[in-house]
């Protein structure tokens, strides 16, 4: 059962990061054009992106899996970092994924992350996902104690 809880936490964290990251990405892309866009158009474009950028979700899940496994090891050997291990791992996972995309493609396919602010916004979304993961995994640990 413990592994199922961990997987559920991973999925919840990835979905949280995906939704937040795609919303932020959409707004950065729309703002880059410098033209006024109505709220309803923003909402429609954002909803379209959330429903169609699913490959980004796959990337988030894979990088979070690796990042959170590393964070679990760090927590075991350096208990003083337990409170920040997963949020830092989530942020680092997204930064690493975007960096690897740049290295592979010489561009970042997540176009809203091509500016420094957009990149940092995606990294913050990863940190939020790590926080979500920590809260869910921590609830399980609290119940077992």
C-alpha atoms as a PDB file:
ATOM      1  CA  UNK A   1       0.000   0.000   0.000  1.00  0.00           C
ATOM      2  CA  UNK A   2       2.882   2.361   0.696  1.00  0.00           C
ATOM      3  CA  UNK A   3       4.001   2.344  -2.945  1.00  0.00           C
ATOM      4  CA  UNK A   4       0.443   3.090  -4.117  1.00  0.00           C
ATOM      5  CA  UNK A   5       0.331   6.113  -1.823  1.00  0.00           C
ATOM      6  CA  UNK A   6       3.677   7.280  -3.192  1.00  0.00           C
ATOM      7  CA  UNK A   7       2.468   6.841  -6.783  1.00  0.00           C
ATOM      8  CA  UNK A   8      -0.751   8.726  -6.006  1.00  0.00           C
ATOM      9  CA  UNK A   9       1.322  11.548  -4.511  1.00  0.00           C
ATOM     10  CA  UNK A  10       3.535  11.565  -7.600  1.00  0.00           C
ATOM     11  CA  UNK A  11       0.521  11.808  -9.910  1.00  0.00           C
ATOM     12  CA  UNK A  12      -1.089  14.561  -7.827  1.00  0.00           C
ATOM     13  CA  UNK A  13       2.168  16.541  -7.786  1.00  0.00           C
ATOM     14  CA  UNK A  14       2.640  16.110 -11.533  1.00  0.00           C
ATOM     15  CA  UNK A  15      -0.941  17.171 -12.266  1.00  0.00           C
ATOM     16  CA  UNK A  16      -0.591  20.217 -10.011  1.00  0.00           C
ATOM     17  CA  UNK A  17       2.625  21.239 -11.730  1.00  0.00           C
ATOM     18  CA  UNK A  18       1.192  20.518 -15.167  1.00  0.00           C
ATOM     19  CA  UNK A  19      -1.934  22.598 -14.654  1.00  0.00           C
ATOM     20  CA  UNK A  20      -0.091  25.499 -13.027  1.00  0.00           C
ATOM     21  CA  UNK A  21       2.760  25.335 -15.540  1.00  0.00           C
ATOM     22  CA  UNK A  22       0.463  25.243 -18.563  1.00  0.00           C
ATOM     23  CA  UNK A  23      -1.672  28.112 -17.249  1.00  0.00           C
ATOM     24  CA  UNK A  24       1.439  30.228 -16.708  1.00  0.00           C
ATOM     25  CA  UNK A  25       2.868  29.147 -20.070  1.00  0.00           C
ATOM     26  CA  UNK A  26      -0.311  30.166 -21.875  1.00  0.00           C
ATOM     27  CA  UNK A  27      -0.318  33.596 -20.277  1.00  0.00           C
ATOM     28  CA  UNK A  28       3.348  34.192 -21.136  1.00  0.00           C
ATOM     29  CA  UNK A  29       2.717  33.192 -24.754  1.00  0.00           C
ATOM     30  CA  UNK A  30      -0.323  35.441 -25.071  1.00  0.00           C
ATOM     31  CA  UNK A  31       1.456  38.365 -23.417  1.00  0.00           C
ATOM     32  CA  UNK A  32       4.431  37.994 -25.751  1.00  0.00           C
ATOM     33  CA  UNK A  33       2.314  39.151 -28.696  1.00  0.00           C
ATOM     34  CA  UNK A  34       1.669  42.525 -27.138  1.00  0.00           C
ATOM     35  CA  UNK A  35      -1.949  42.730 -28.258  1.00  0.00           C
ATOM     36  CA  UNK A  36      -5.009  42.931 -26.033  1.00  0.00           C
ATOM     37  CA  UNK A  37      -6.698  39.561 -25.547  1.00  0.00           C
ATOM     38  CA  UNK A  38     -10.085  39.301 -23.890  1.00  0.00           C
ATOM     39  CA  UNK A  39     -10.553  37.281 -20.727  1.00  0.00           C
ATOM     40  CA  UNK A  40     -12.791  34.768 -22.518  1.00  0.00           C
ATOM     41  CA  UNK A  41     -10.175  34.260 -25.246  1.00  0.00           C
ATOM     42  CA  UNK A  42      -7.491  33.803 -22.595  1.00  0.00           C
ATOM     43  CA  UNK A  43      -9.677  31.259 -20.847  1.00  0.00           C
ATOM     44  CA  UNK A  44     -10.364  29.373 -24.098  1.00  0.00           C
ATOM     45  CA  UNK A  45      -6.703  29.310 -25.124  1.00  0.00           C
ATOM     46  CA  UNK A  46      -5.619  28.225 -21.669  1.00  0.00           C
ATOM     47  CA  UNK A  47      -8.215  25.438 -21.555  1.00  0.00           C
ATOM     48  CA  UNK A  48      -7.060  24.298 -25.003  1.00  0.00           C
ATOM     49  CA  UNK A  49      -3.441  24.203 -23.846  1.00  0.00           C
ATOM     50  CA  UNK A  50      -4.298  22.292 -20.663  1.00  0.00           C
ATOM     51  CA  UNK A  51      -6.136  19.678 -22.711  1.00  0.00           C
ATOM     52  CA  UNK A  52      -3.458  19.380 -25.414  1.00  0.00           C
ATOM     53  CA  UNK A  53      -0.003  19.723 -23.842  1.00  0.00           C
ATOM     54  CA  UNK A  54      -0.128  16.207 -22.398  1.00  0.00           C
ATOM     55  CA  UNK A  55       3.415  15.377 -23.522  1.00  0.00           C
ATOM     56  CA  UNK A  56       4.588  17.995 -21.040  1.00  0.00           C
ATOM     57  CA  UNK A  57       2.716  16.011 -18.370  1.00  0.00           C
ATOM     58  CA  UNK A  58       4.639  12.877 -19.346  1.00  0.00           C
ATOM     59  CA  UNK A  59       7.914  14.804 -19.060  1.00  0.00           C
ATOM     60  CA  UNK A  60       6.878  16.120 -15.647  1.00  0.00           C
ATOM     61  CA  UNK A  61       5.985  12.634 -14.373  1.00  0.00           C
ATOM     62  CA  UNK A  62       9.310  11.150 -15.501  1.00  0.00           C
ATOM     63  CA  UNK A  63      11.426  13.983 -14.111  1.00  0.00           C
ATOM     64  CA  UNK A  64       9.470  14.041 -10.845  1.00  0.00           C
ATOM     65  CA  UNK A  65       9.929  10.286 -10.461  1.00  0.00           C
ATOM     66  CA  UNK A  66      13.686  10.677 -10.707  1.00  0.00           C
ATOM     67  CA  UNK A  67      13.803  13.860  -8.658  1.00  0.00           C
ATOM     68  CA  UNK A  68      11.625  12.570  -5.834  1.00  0.00           C
ATOM     69  CA  UNK A  69      13.579   9.315  -5.610  1.00  0.00           C
ATOM     70  CA  UNK A  70      16.773  11.344  -5.233  1.00  0.00           C
ATOM     71  CA  UNK A  71      15.061  13.595  -2.677  1.00  0.00           C
ATOM     72  CA  UNK A  72      13.966  10.549  -0.684  1.00  0.00           C
ATOM     73  CA  UNK A  73      17.598   9.438  -0.481  1.00  0.00           C
ATOM     74  CA  UNK A  74      18.716  12.925   0.519  1.00  0.00           C
ATOM     75  CA  UNK A  75      16.063  13.011   3.253  1.00  0.00           C
ATOM     76  CA  UNK A  76      17.290   9.693   4.578  1.00  0.00           C
ATOM     77  CA  UNK A  77      20.936  10.772   4.851  1.00  0.00           C
ATOM     78  CA  UNK A  78      20.431  14.473   5.632  1.00  0.00           C
ATOM     79  CA  UNK A  79      17.296  14.672   7.815  1.00  0.00           C
ATOM     80  CA  UNK A  80      17.672  18.429   8.315  1.00  0.00           C
ATOM     81  CA  UNK A  81      16.719  18.919   4.646  1.00  0.00           C
ATOM     82  CA  UNK A  82      13.502  16.905   4.962  1.00  0.00           C
ATOM     83  CA  UNK A  83      11.245  19.967   4.891  1.00  0.00           C
ATOM     84  CA  UNK A  84      12.576  21.301   1.603  1.00  0.00           C
ATOM     85  CA  UNK A  85      13.783  18.174  -0.173  1.00  0.00           C
ATOM     86  CA  UNK A  86      10.698  17.566  -2.320  1.00  0.00           C
ATOM     87  CA  UNK A  87       9.935  21.182  -3.301  1.00  0.00           C
ATOM     88  CA  UNK A  88      13.584  21.678  -4.272  1.00  0.00           C
ATOM     89  CA  UNK A  89      13.539  18.367  -6.150  1.00  0.00           C
ATOM     90  CA  UNK A  90      10.390  19.410  -8.032  1.00  0.00           C
ATOM     91  CA  UNK A  91      11.892  22.754  -9.007  1.00  0.00           C
ATOM     92  CA  UNK A  92      15.186  21.138  -9.990  1.00  0.00           C
ATOM     93  CA  UNK A  93      13.390  18.465 -12.021  1.00  0.00           C
ATOM     94  CA  UNK A  94      11.587  21.061 -14.137  1.00  0.00           C
ATOM     95  CA  UNK A  95      14.728  23.179 -14.546  1.00  0.00           C
ATOM     96  CA  UNK A  96      16.650  20.076 -15.612  1.00  0.00           C
ATOM     97  CA  UNK A  97      13.943  18.991 -18.067  1.00  0.00           C
ATOM     98  CA  UNK A  98      13.838  22.435 -19.668  1.00  0.00           C
ATOM     99  CA  UNK A  99      17.638  22.552 -19.786  1.00  0.00           C
ATOM    100  CA  UNK A 100      17.784  19.136 -21.440  1.00  0.00           C
ATOM    101  CA  UNK A 101      15.205  20.275 -23.983  1.00  0.00           C
ATOM    102  CA  UNK A 102      17.410  23.245 -24.770  1.00  0.00           C
ATOM    103  CA  UNK A 103      20.468  21.019 -25.151  1.00  0.00           C
ATOM    104  CA  UNK A 104      18.632  18.592 -27.425  1.00  0.00           C
ATOM    105  CA  UNK A 105      16.603  20.969 -29.587  1.00  0.00           C
ATOM    106  CA  UNK A 106      18.454  24.303 -29.205  1.00  0.00           C
ATOM    107  CA  UNK A 107      15.111  25.721 -28.112  1.00  0.00           C
ATOM    108  CA  UNK A 108      12.597  25.048 -25.384  1.00  0.00           C
ATOM    109  CA  UNK A 109       9.378  23.538 -26.766  1.00  0.00           C
ATOM    110  CA  UNK A 110       7.477  25.047 -23.834  1.00  0.00           C
ATOM    111  CA  UNK A 111       7.484  28.452 -25.510  1.00  0.00           C
ATOM    112  CA  UNK A 112       6.369  30.380 -22.440  1.00  0.00           C
ATOM    113  CA  UNK A 113       9.572  29.220 -20.723  1.00  0.00           C
ATOM    114  CA  UNK A 114      11.911  30.796 -23.266  1.00  0.00           C
ATOM    115  CA  UNK A 115      12.255  34.024 -21.289  1.00  0.00           C
ATOM    116  CA  UNK A 116      13.952  34.160 -17.906  1.00  0.00           C
ATOM    117  CA  UNK A 117      10.669  35.003 -16.182  1.00  0.00           C
ATOM    118  CA  UNK A 118       8.853  32.214 -18.007  1.00  0.00           C
ATOM    119  CA  UNK A 119      11.580  29.714 -17.164  1.00  0.00           C
ATOM    120  CA  UNK A 120      11.468  30.716 -13.504  1.00  0.00           C
ATOM    121  CA  UNK A 121       7.673  30.476 -13.512  1.00  0.00           C
ATOM    122  CA  UNK A 122       7.938  26.862 -14.707  1.00  0.00           C
ATOM    123  CA  UNK A 123      10.541  26.140 -12.032  1.00  0.00           C
ATOM    124  CA  UNK A 124       8.225  27.612  -9.382  1.00  0.00           C
ATOM    125  CA  UNK A 125       5.423  25.386 -10.705  1.00  0.00           C
ATOM    126  CA  UNK A 126       7.782  22.435 -10.190  1.00  0.00           C
ATOM    127  CA  UNK A 127       8.435  23.594  -6.637  1.00  0.00           C
ATOM    128  CA  UNK A 128       4.697  23.747  -6.006  1.00  0.00           C
ATOM    129  CA  UNK A 129       4.409  20.193  -7.306  1.00  0.00           C
ATOM    130  CA  UNK A 130       7.154  19.137  -4.919  1.00  0.00           C
ATOM    131  CA  UNK A 131       5.287  20.827  -2.073  1.00  0.00           C
ATOM    132  CA  UNK A 132       2.104  18.942  -3.042  1.00  0.00           C
ATOM    133  CA  UNK A 133       4.071  15.683  -3.053  1.00  0.00           C
ATOM    134  CA  UNK A 134       5.597  16.457   0.354  1.00  0.00           C
ATOM    135  CA  UNK A 135       2.191  17.231   1.860  1.00  0.00           C
ATOM    136  CA  UNK A 136       0.635  14.012   0.585  1.00  0.00           C
ATOM    137  CA  UNK A 137       3.580  11.800   1.533  1.00  0.00           C
ATOM    138  CA  UNK A 138       3.831  13.624   4.876  1.00  0.00           C
ATOM    139  CA  UNK A 139       0.161  12.924   5.640  1.00  0.00           C
ATOM    140  CA  UNK A 140       0.851   9.233   5.224  1.00  0.00           C
ATOM    141  CA  UNK A 141       3.871   9.460   7.536  1.00  0.00           C
ATOM    142  CA  UNK A 142       1.810  11.360  10.131  1.00  0.00           C
ATOM    143  CA  UNK A 143      -0.887   8.658  10.104  1.00  0.00           C
ATOM    144  CA  UNK A 144       1.699   5.913  10.597  1.00  0.00           C
ATOM    145  CA  UNK A 145       3.336   7.658  13.563  1.00  0.00           C
END
